[in-house]
Amino acid sequence: MSGGAVDRLPGGKEAELHAMLDAAYPVVPPDLAARAMARGSRRLRRRRLARTALLLLLLAAVVAAAVWAIAVWPSPPPLNVPPPPGGW
């Protein structure tokens, strides 16, 4: 088992793979974690704000639909009302 799957790479990819693995690791900026955390916090705030806005919009739509339905609903005829004077 010398090399395993690396020996079977077609088209000279083995040398390219070894070159990538042997290369030095890139330098990571020292403030990368802090920047990532700040970016994640901003994303979460924006997502929470968007969710709250959509929920408020949905609530406003439900209230508007309920008010509209109450406004257009026909009122029941009054009960126990004598006929108008003079007949029908």
C-alpha atoms as a PDB file:
ATOM      1  CA  MET A   1       0.000   0.000   0.000  1.00  0.00           C
ATOM      2  CA  SER A   2       2.411   2.632  -1.097  1.00  0.00           C
ATOM      3  CA  GLY A   3       0.458   5.754  -1.978  1.00  0.00           C
ATOM      4  CA  GLY A   4      -3.015   4.268  -2.290  1.00  0.00           C
ATOM      5  CA  ALA A   5      -5.380   6.327  -4.435  1.00  0.00           C
ATOM      6  CA  VAL A   6      -2.700   8.930  -5.180  1.00  0.00           C
ATOM      7  CA  ASP A   7      -0.904   6.494  -7.521  1.00  0.00           C
ATOM      8  CA  ARG A   8      -4.015   6.059  -9.636  1.00  0.00           C
ATOM      9  CA  LEU A   9      -4.646   9.741 -10.467  1.00  0.00           C
ATOM     10  CA  PRO A  10      -4.873  10.210 -14.255  1.00  0.00           C
ATOM     11  CA  GLY A  11      -3.092  12.773 -16.400  1.00  0.00           C
ATOM     12  CA  GLY A  12      -0.206  13.799 -14.140  1.00  0.00           C
ATOM     13  CA  LYS A  13      -2.474  14.954 -11.355  1.00  0.00           C
ATOM     14  CA  GLU A  14      -0.311  13.137  -8.829  1.00  0.00           C
ATOM     15  CA  ALA A  15       2.516  15.651  -9.127  1.00  0.00           C
ATOM     16  CA  GLU A  16       0.069  18.544  -8.876  1.00  0.00           C
ATOM     17  CA  LEU A  17      -1.474  17.019  -5.766  1.00  0.00           C
ATOM     18  CA  HIS A  18       1.907  16.513  -4.134  1.00  0.00           C
ATOM     19  CA  ALA A  19       2.862  20.113  -4.945  1.00  0.00           C
ATOM     20  CA  MET A  20      -0.321  21.379  -3.266  1.00  0.00           C
ATOM     21  CA  LEU A  21       0.201  19.212  -0.194  1.00  0.00           C
ATOM     22  CA  ASP A  22       3.858  20.140   0.144  1.00  0.00           C
ATOM     23  CA  ALA A  23       3.271  23.890  -0.184  1.00  0.00           C
ATOM     24  CA  ALA A  24       3.378  26.085   2.906  1.00  0.00           C
ATOM     25  CA  TYR A  25       0.152  27.005   4.553  1.00  0.00           C
ATOM     26  CA  PRO A  26      -1.100  30.514   3.751  1.00  0.00           C
ATOM     27  CA  VAL A  27      -0.676  33.192   6.390  1.00  0.00           C
ATOM     28  CA  VAL A  28      -3.895  33.804   8.287  1.00  0.00           C
ATOM     29  CA  PRO A  29      -4.575  37.375   9.444  1.00  0.00           C
ATOM     30  CA  PRO A  30      -4.527  37.635  13.245  1.00  0.00           C
ATOM     31  CA  ASP A  31      -7.910  39.370  13.393  1.00  0.00           C
ATOM     32  CA  LEU A  32      -9.661  36.829  11.163  1.00  0.00           C
ATOM     33  CA  ALA A  33     -11.670  35.260  13.998  1.00  0.00           C
ATOM     34  CA  ALA A  34     -12.854  38.637  15.279  1.00  0.00           C
ATOM     35  CA  ARG A  35     -13.886  39.731  11.778  1.00  0.00           C
ATOM     36  CA  ALA A  36     -15.723  36.466  11.195  1.00  0.00           C
ATOM     37  CA  MET A  37     -17.524  36.799  14.509  1.00  0.00           C
ATOM     38  CA  ALA A  38     -18.545  40.394  13.738  1.00  0.00           C
ATOM     39  CA  ARG A  39     -19.778  39.389  10.300  1.00  0.00           C
ATOM     40  CA  GLY A  40     -21.754  36.491  11.762  1.00  0.00           C
ATOM     41  CA  SER A  41     -23.287  38.777  14.381  1.00  0.00           C
ATOM     42  CA  ARG A  42     -24.348  41.249  11.690  1.00  0.00           C
ATOM     43  CA  ARG A  43     -25.864  38.435   9.675  1.00  0.00           C
ATOM     44  CA  LEU A  44     -27.814  37.147  12.643  1.00  0.00           C
ATOM     45  CA  ARG A  45     -29.090  40.646  13.473  1.00  0.00           C
ATOM     46  CA  ARG A  46     -30.209  41.202   9.882  1.00  0.00           C
ATOM     47  CA  ARG A  47     -31.896  37.807   9.758  1.00  0.00           C
ATOM     48  CA  ARG A  48     -33.674  38.461  13.053  1.00  0.00           C
ATOM     49  CA  LEU A  49     -34.785  41.914  11.850  1.00  0.00           C
ATOM     50  CA  ALA A  50     -36.071  40.474   8.567  1.00  0.00           C
ATOM     51  CA  ARG A  51     -37.961  37.723  10.394  1.00  0.00           C
ATOM     52  CA  THR A  52     -39.516  40.243  12.792  1.00  0.00           C
ATOM     53  CA  ALA A  53     -40.516  42.527   9.908  1.00  0.00           C
ATOM     54  CA  LEU A  54     -42.120  39.635   8.031  1.00  0.00           C
ATOM     55  CA  LEU A  55     -44.005  38.504  11.127  1.00  0.00           C
ATOM     56  CA  LEU A  56     -45.283  42.036  11.727  1.00  0.00           C
ATOM     57  CA  LEU A  57     -46.314  42.291   8.085  1.00  0.00           C
ATOM     58  CA  LEU A  58     -48.157  38.978   8.363  1.00  0.00           C
ATOM     59  CA  LEU A  59     -49.876  40.116  11.554  1.00  0.00           C
ATOM     60  CA  ALA A  60     -50.934  43.393   9.895  1.00  0.00           C
ATOM     61  CA  ALA A  61     -52.316  41.443   6.912  1.00  0.00           C
ATOM     62  CA  VAL A  62     -54.314  39.146   9.207  1.00  0.00           C
ATOM     63  CA  VAL A  63     -55.734  42.098  11.148  1.00  0.00           C
ATOM     64  CA  ALA A  64     -56.604  43.934   7.919  1.00  0.00           C
ATOM     65  CA  ALA A  65     -58.317  40.833   6.531  1.00  0.00           C
ATOM     66  CA  ALA A  66     -60.313  40.402   9.746  1.00  0.00           C
ATOM     67  CA  VAL A  67     -61.409  44.050   9.747  1.00  0.00           C
ATOM     68  CA  TRP A  68     -62.365  43.828   6.077  1.00  0.00           C
ATOM     69  CA  ALA A  69     -64.311  40.599   6.651  1.00  0.00           C
ATOM     70  CA  ILE A  70     -66.215  42.156   9.563  1.00  0.00           C
ATOM     71  CA  ALA A  71     -66.976  45.276   7.509  1.00  0.00           C
ATOM     72  CA  VAL A  72     -68.415  43.425   4.498  1.00  0.00           C
ATOM     73  CA  TRP A  73     -70.235  40.700   6.438  1.00  0.00           C
ATOM     74  CA  PRO A  74     -73.995  41.188   6.067  1.00  0.00           C
ATOM     75  CA  SER A  75     -75.732  42.036   9.297  1.00  0.00           C
ATOM     76  CA  PRO A  76     -78.537  39.712  10.356  1.00  0.00           C
ATOM     77  CA  PRO A  77     -82.065  41.058  10.062  1.00  0.00           C
ATOM     78  CA  PRO A  78     -83.411  42.524  13.282  1.00  0.00           C
ATOM     79  CA  LEU A  79     -85.637  40.234  15.350  1.00  0.00           C
ATOM     80  CA  ASN A  80     -89.095  40.955  16.699  1.00  0.00           C
ATOM     81  CA  VAL A  81     -89.618  44.125  14.687  1.00  0.00           C
ATOM     82  CA  PRO A  82     -93.235  44.953  13.817  1.00  0.00           C
ATOM     83  CA  PRO A  83     -94.030  45.571  10.176  1.00  0.00           C
ATOM     84  CA  PRO A  84     -93.917  49.160   9.030  1.00  0.00           C
ATOM     85  CA  PRO A  85     -97.164  51.135   9.429  1.00  0.00           C
ATOM     86  CA  GLY A  86     -99.371  51.092   6.370  1.00  0.00           C
ATOM     87  CA  GLY A  87     -98.657  47.547   5.398  1.00  0.00           C
ATOM     88  CA  TRP A  88     -96.266  46.091   2.988  1.00  0.00           C
END
